[in-house]
Every structure is written in structure tokens, then in C-alpha cells.
Amino acid sequence: MDRETFATFRQSVHDGPQSTWETFCGLQARGDAAMRAVLKQLKQWRPQSIDGAWLQALDCLGNLDNRETLKEISVPALHLFGEKDTLVPAAAAEQVRALGTAVEILPGCGHAPQISRPEWIAEKLREFLHQTLGANPGFARYNPTNRRSTRAR
């Protein structure tokens, strides 16, 4: 997000935190094939208050530039981008990919695919771990039908 847009957003959080929260929820859901369900879920997570800690977090985020840090990561990483994300455009994926890390653009997804497609995201993570750690990665596989973990094969 460009600095001017971010500054405007931060000011709107300061001036009208609840209405800005509603707008932010809408931006996170926008573009997702399951937009209504994502928006409904996000609105259920409304914080009781949006106070100075939120503004401090936004100040930190506004000053954060991870490009150099991402170059230095020595462990395998997977970056998932929503094709229709209005907050972090899929075009940013190419900048991250240029750093030599695994990147995938998720079709039909907005900013919160972990909400709209949690099973798919979990499968993407399992595939990445399998490719990264080998055939016997030793991580637990979640089975939602019996709520127990089973050893991955």
C-alpha cells in the first residue's frame, strides 16, 4: 500500500475506529469467491475496543519494510497471495518470488484465504512441507472428522 493511502487509513482509524473496522473487513473480503461468508466471519471478530494499541501497531506496520529481511531468511518459506486481494495485490508476489522463495497466487481468493478456504490452505501447507521435508516429514495431519491428529505418511 502506498504511504499516502496508508496514512489516510491510519487517520481514519484514529477518527472513526468502528466505521474504519467495517471498511477494513470489507477490503479483506473483497474479491474472494466466498466474499459474503468471509465478511460475516470477520465482522464476528469485531474487537471490543480499538484503542491506542491499534494505532501503535499501525505505526509499526507503516514503518516496516520486510524486503531486506525476506532476503536473509535461511529456512524454506511459502508465501500465499490471493489473486483478488485488494490490500496486498498479487503483483507483489513477483517481488517476493524474485527473492528466491516459494510463491503461489491463489485463484478466486482475496486477502483472507485462511478464512474462505481453510482446508485448501492446509493442503497447500502440507504439500509445501512434504516437498521441503521429504516423504516422511514427521508432522501431524489434522483429521477434521474425528478431531485427532494422525501421523503423516
C-alpha atoms as a PDB file:
ATOM      1  CA  MET A   1       0.000   0.000   0.000  1.00  0.00           C
ATOM      2  CA  ASP A   2       1.412   3.382  -0.854  1.00  0.00           C
ATOM      3  CA  ARG A   3       2.318   5.695   2.038  1.00  0.00           C
ATOM      4  CA  GLU A   4      -0.417   8.270   1.363  1.00  0.00           C
ATOM      5  CA  THR A   5      -3.175   5.639   1.327  1.00  0.00           C
ATOM      6  CA  PHE A   6      -1.754   4.089   4.487  1.00  0.00           C
ATOM      7  CA  ALA A   7      -1.594   7.467   6.240  1.00  0.00           C
ATOM      8  CA  THR A   8      -5.219   8.131   5.306  1.00  0.00           C
ATOM      9  CA  PHE A   9      -6.210   4.713   6.647  1.00  0.00           C
ATOM     10  CA  ARG A  10      -4.343   5.284   9.909  1.00  0.00           C
ATOM     11  CA  GLN A  11      -6.020   8.676  10.351  1.00  0.00           C
ATOM     12  CA  SER A  12      -9.437   7.134   9.730  1.00  0.00           C
ATOM     13  CA  VAL A  13      -8.742   4.535  12.444  1.00  0.00           C
ATOM     14  CA  HIS A  14      -7.960   7.426  14.764  1.00  0.00           C
ATOM     15  CA  ASP A  15     -11.018   9.494  13.768  1.00  0.00           C
ATOM     16  CA  GLY A  16     -13.643   6.749  13.369  1.00  0.00           C
ATOM     17  CA  PRO A  17     -12.351   3.383  14.528  1.00  0.00           C
ATOM     18  CA  GLN A  18     -15.605   1.427  14.317  1.00  0.00           C
ATOM     19  CA  SER A  19     -16.551   2.584  10.827  1.00  0.00           C
ATOM     20  CA  THR A  20     -12.978   2.021   9.667  1.00  0.00           C
ATOM     21  CA  TRP A  21     -13.145  -1.518  11.073  1.00  0.00           C
ATOM     22  CA  GLU A  22     -16.233  -2.158   8.934  1.00  0.00           C
ATOM     23  CA  THR A  23     -14.461  -0.809   5.852  1.00  0.00           C
ATOM     24  CA  PHE A  24     -11.351  -2.858   6.596  1.00  0.00           C
ATOM     25  CA  CYS A  25     -13.438  -6.021   6.910  1.00  0.00           C
ATOM     26  CA  GLY A  26     -14.933  -5.258   3.517  1.00  0.00           C
ATOM     27  CA  LEU A  27     -11.498  -4.761   1.955  1.00  0.00           C
ATOM     28  CA  GLN A  28     -10.256  -8.063   3.356  1.00  0.00           C
ATOM     29  CA  ALA A  29     -13.286  -9.899   1.954  1.00  0.00           C
ATOM     30  CA  ARG A  30     -13.436  -8.123  -1.411  1.00  0.00           C
ATOM     31  CA  GLY A  31     -12.559 -10.223  -4.421  1.00  0.00           C
ATOM     32  CA  ASP A  32     -12.936 -13.552  -2.661  1.00  0.00           C
ATOM     33  CA  ALA A  33     -15.278 -16.077  -4.244  1.00  0.00           C
ATOM     34  CA  ALA A  34     -16.728 -16.545  -0.732  1.00  0.00           C
ATOM     35  CA  MET A  35     -16.862 -12.801  -0.008  1.00  0.00           C
ATOM     36  CA  ARG A  36     -20.105 -12.798   1.998  1.00  0.00           C
ATOM     37  CA  ALA A  37     -19.009 -15.648   4.269  1.00  0.00           C
ATOM     38  CA  VAL A  38     -15.588 -14.044   4.827  1.00  0.00           C
ATOM     39  CA  LEU A  39     -17.183 -10.685   5.635  1.00  0.00           C
ATOM     40  CA  LYS A  40     -19.613 -12.301   8.066  1.00  0.00           C
ATOM     41  CA  GLN A  41     -16.772 -14.119   9.859  1.00  0.00           C
ATOM     42  CA  LEU A  42     -14.579 -11.018  10.058  1.00  0.00           C
ATOM     43  CA  LYS A  43     -17.408  -8.920  11.482  1.00  0.00           C
ATOM     44  CA  GLN A  44     -17.978 -11.556  14.182  1.00  0.00           C
ATOM     45  CA  TRP A  45     -14.397 -10.963  15.304  1.00  0.00           C
ATOM     46  CA  ARG A  46     -15.013  -7.268  15.985  1.00  0.00           C
ATOM     47  CA  PRO A  47     -12.747  -6.108  18.807  1.00  0.00           C
ATOM     48  CA  GLN A  48     -14.397  -4.678  21.914  1.00  0.00           C
ATOM     49  CA  SER A  49     -12.378  -1.525  21.501  1.00  0.00           C
ATOM     50  CA  ILE A  50      -9.980  -0.056  19.007  1.00  0.00           C
ATOM     51  CA  ASP A  51      -7.619   1.969  21.129  1.00  0.00           C
ATOM     52  CA  GLY A  52      -4.110   3.370  21.097  1.00  0.00           C
ATOM     53  CA  ALA A  53      -2.574  -0.091  20.781  1.00  0.00           C
ATOM     54  CA  TRP A  54      -4.154  -0.402  17.335  1.00  0.00           C
ATOM     55  CA  LEU A  55      -2.649   2.919  16.304  1.00  0.00           C
ATOM     56  CA  GLN A  56       0.753   1.870  17.629  1.00  0.00           C
ATOM     57  CA  ALA A  57       0.512  -1.366  15.644  1.00  0.00           C
ATOM     58  CA  LEU A  58      -0.384   0.611  12.524  1.00  0.00           C
ATOM     59  CA  ASP A  59       2.576   2.936  13.114  1.00  0.00           C
ATOM     60  CA  CYS A  60       4.844  -0.112  13.347  1.00  0.00           C
ATOM     61  CA  LEU A  61       3.335  -1.608  10.203  1.00  0.00           C
ATOM     62  CA  GLY A  62       3.665   1.691   8.359  1.00  0.00           C
ATOM     63  CA  ASN A  63       7.388   1.787   9.071  1.00  0.00           C
ATOM     64  CA  LEU A  64       8.004  -1.885   8.353  1.00  0.00           C
ATOM     65  CA  ASP A  65       9.776  -2.880   5.163  1.00  0.00           C
ATOM     66  CA  ASN A  66      10.476  -6.605   5.095  1.00  0.00           C
ATOM     67  CA  ARG A  67      12.228  -6.778   1.737  1.00  0.00           C
ATOM     68  CA  GLU A  68      15.731  -6.982   3.210  1.00  0.00           C
ATOM     69  CA  THR A  69      14.633  -9.345   5.962  1.00  0.00           C
ATOM     70  CA  LEU A  70      12.994 -11.680   3.454  1.00  0.00           C
ATOM     71  CA  LYS A  71      16.290 -11.905   1.558  1.00  0.00           C
ATOM     72  CA  GLU A  72      18.031 -13.143   4.706  1.00  0.00           C
ATOM     73  CA  ILE A  73      15.626 -15.930   5.656  1.00  0.00           C
ATOM     74  CA  SER A  74      17.564 -19.176   5.553  1.00  0.00           C
ATOM     75  CA  VAL A  75      14.653 -21.571   6.047  1.00  0.00           C
ATOM     76  CA  PRO A  76      12.181 -22.568   3.349  1.00  0.00           C
ATOM     77  CA  ALA A  77       9.170 -20.278   3.185  1.00  0.00           C
ATOM     78  CA  LEU A  78       5.900 -20.307   1.300  1.00  0.00           C
ATOM     79  CA  HIS A  79       4.085 -17.055   0.539  1.00  0.00           C
ATOM     80  CA  LEU A  80       0.439 -17.328  -0.473  1.00  0.00           C
ATOM     81  CA  PHE A  81      -1.225 -14.415  -2.272  1.00  0.00           C
ATOM     82  CA  GLY A  82      -4.902 -14.040  -3.082  1.00  0.00           C
ATOM     83  CA  GLU A  83      -5.409 -13.366  -6.773  1.00  0.00           C
ATOM     84  CA  LYS A  84      -8.088 -10.762  -5.997  1.00  0.00           C
ATOM     85  CA  ASP A  85      -6.555  -9.321  -2.801  1.00  0.00           C
ATOM     86  CA  THR A  86      -7.282  -5.586  -2.608  1.00  0.00           C
ATOM     87  CA  LEU A  87      -4.837  -4.958   0.256  1.00  0.00           C
ATOM     88  CA  VAL A  88      -1.758  -6.840  -0.968  1.00  0.00           C
ATOM     89  CA  PRO A  89      -2.007  -7.082  -4.738  1.00  0.00           C
ATOM     90  CA  ALA A  90      -0.965 -10.307  -6.417  1.00  0.00           C
ATOM     91  CA  ALA A  91       1.605  -8.234  -8.326  1.00  0.00           C
ATOM     92  CA  ALA A  92       3.595  -8.132  -5.071  1.00  0.00           C
ATOM     93  CA  ALA A  93       4.066 -11.879  -5.463  1.00  0.00           C
ATOM     94  CA  GLU A  94       6.595 -11.313  -8.227  1.00  0.00           C
ATOM     95  CA  GLN A  95       8.700  -9.125  -5.936  1.00  0.00           C
ATOM     96  CA  VAL A  96       8.674 -11.850  -3.288  1.00  0.00           C
ATOM     97  CA  ARG A  97       9.370 -14.583  -5.856  1.00  0.00           C
ATOM     98  CA  ALA A  98      12.396 -12.580  -7.049  1.00  0.00           C
ATOM     99  CA  LEU A  99      13.855 -13.058  -3.563  1.00  0.00           C
ATOM    100  CA  GLY A 100      14.066 -16.789  -4.271  1.00  0.00           C
ATOM    101  CA  THR A 101      11.207 -18.012  -2.136  1.00  0.00           C
ATOM    102  CA  ALA A 102       8.191 -20.166  -2.952  1.00  0.00           C
ATOM    103  CA  VAL A 103       5.169 -18.125  -4.000  1.00  0.00           C
ATOM    104  CA  GLU A 104       1.708 -19.171  -5.020  1.00  0.00           C
ATOM    105  CA  ILE A 105      -1.151 -16.991  -6.212  1.00  0.00           C
ATOM    106  CA  LEU A 106      -4.483 -18.432  -5.141  1.00  0.00           C
ATOM    107  CA  PRO A 107      -7.238 -18.003  -7.743  1.00  0.00           C
ATOM    108  CA  GLY A 108     -10.584 -16.726  -6.524  1.00  0.00           C
ATOM    109  CA  CYS A 109      -9.168 -15.591  -3.183  1.00  0.00           C
ATOM    110  CA  GLY A 110      -8.987 -12.187  -1.522  1.00  0.00           C
ATOM    111  CA  HIS A 111      -6.900 -11.144   1.479  1.00  0.00           C
ATOM    112  CA  ALA A 112      -8.104 -13.882   3.833  1.00  0.00           C
ATOM    113  CA  PRO A 113      -7.989 -17.287   2.116  1.00  0.00           C
ATOM    114  CA  GLN A 114      -7.364 -18.878   5.512  1.00  0.00           C
ATOM    115  CA  ILE A 115     -10.973 -17.935   6.288  1.00  0.00           C
ATOM    116  CA  SER A 116     -12.621 -18.667   2.947  1.00  0.00           C
ATOM    117  CA  ARG A 117     -10.680 -21.817   2.092  1.00  0.00           C
ATOM    118  CA  PRO A 118      -9.039 -23.195   5.268  1.00  0.00           C
ATOM    119  CA  GLU A 119      -8.896 -26.799   4.018  1.00  0.00           C
ATOM    120  CA  TRP A 120      -7.227 -25.676   0.798  1.00  0.00           C
ATOM    121  CA  ILE A 121      -4.684 -23.570   2.690  1.00  0.00           C
ATOM    122  CA  ALA A 122      -3.943 -26.517   4.983  1.00  0.00           C
ATOM    123  CA  GLU A 123      -3.389 -28.730   1.933  1.00  0.00           C
ATOM    124  CA  LYS A 124      -1.049 -26.138   0.378  1.00  0.00           C
ATOM    125  CA  LEU A 125       0.936 -26.116   3.611  1.00  0.00           C
ATOM    126  CA  ARG A 126       1.033 -29.930   3.764  1.00  0.00           C
ATOM    127  CA  GLU A 127       2.272 -30.065   0.146  1.00  0.00           C
ATOM    128  CA  PHE A 128       4.936 -27.467   0.875  1.00  0.00           C
ATOM    129  CA  LEU A 129       6.106 -29.296   3.991  1.00  0.00           C
ATOM    130  CA  HIS A 130       6.151 -32.602   2.121  1.00  0.00           C
ATOM    131  CA  GLN A 131       8.238 -31.084  -0.683  1.00  0.00           C
ATOM    132  CA  THR A 132      10.505 -29.317   1.771  1.00  0.00           C
ATOM    133  CA  LEU A 133      10.950 -32.014   4.402  1.00  0.00           C
ATOM    134  CA  GLY A 134      10.694 -35.086   2.197  1.00  0.00           C
ATOM    135  CA  ALA A 135       8.455 -38.127   2.107  1.00  0.00           C
ATOM    136  CA  ASN A 136       8.390 -38.614   5.892  1.00  0.00           C
ATOM    137  CA  PRO A 137       8.177 -35.095   7.308  1.00  0.00           C
ATOM    138  CA  GLY A 138       7.079 -36.204  10.772  1.00  0.00           C
ATOM    139  CA  PHE A 139       4.337 -33.606  11.129  1.00  0.00           C
ATOM    140  CA  ALA A 140       0.820 -34.333  12.276  1.00  0.00           C
ATOM    141  CA  ARG A 141      -2.031 -34.417   9.789  1.00  0.00           C
ATOM    142  CA  TYR A 142      -5.275 -32.976  11.088  1.00  0.00           C
ATOM    143  CA  ASN A 143      -8.359 -35.080  10.512  1.00  0.00           C
ATOM    144  CA  PRO A 144     -11.439 -32.864  10.993  1.00  0.00           C
ATOM    145  CA  THR A 145     -13.849 -35.813  11.122  1.00  0.00           C
ATOM    146  CA  ASN A 146     -12.508 -37.275  14.353  1.00  0.00           C
ATOM    147  CA  ARG A 147     -10.604 -34.234  15.660  1.00  0.00           C
ATOM    148  CA  ARG A 148      -7.459 -36.310  16.204  1.00  0.00           C
ATOM    149  CA  SER A 149      -4.099 -35.962  14.580  1.00  0.00           C
ATOM    150  CA  THR A 150      -2.618 -38.808  12.619  1.00  0.00           C
ATOM    151  CA  ARG A 151       0.979 -39.286  11.649  1.00  0.00           C
ATOM    152  CA  ALA A 152       1.667 -38.134   8.094  1.00  0.00           C
ATOM    153  CA  ARG A 153       2.926 -40.842   5.755  1.00  0.00           C
END
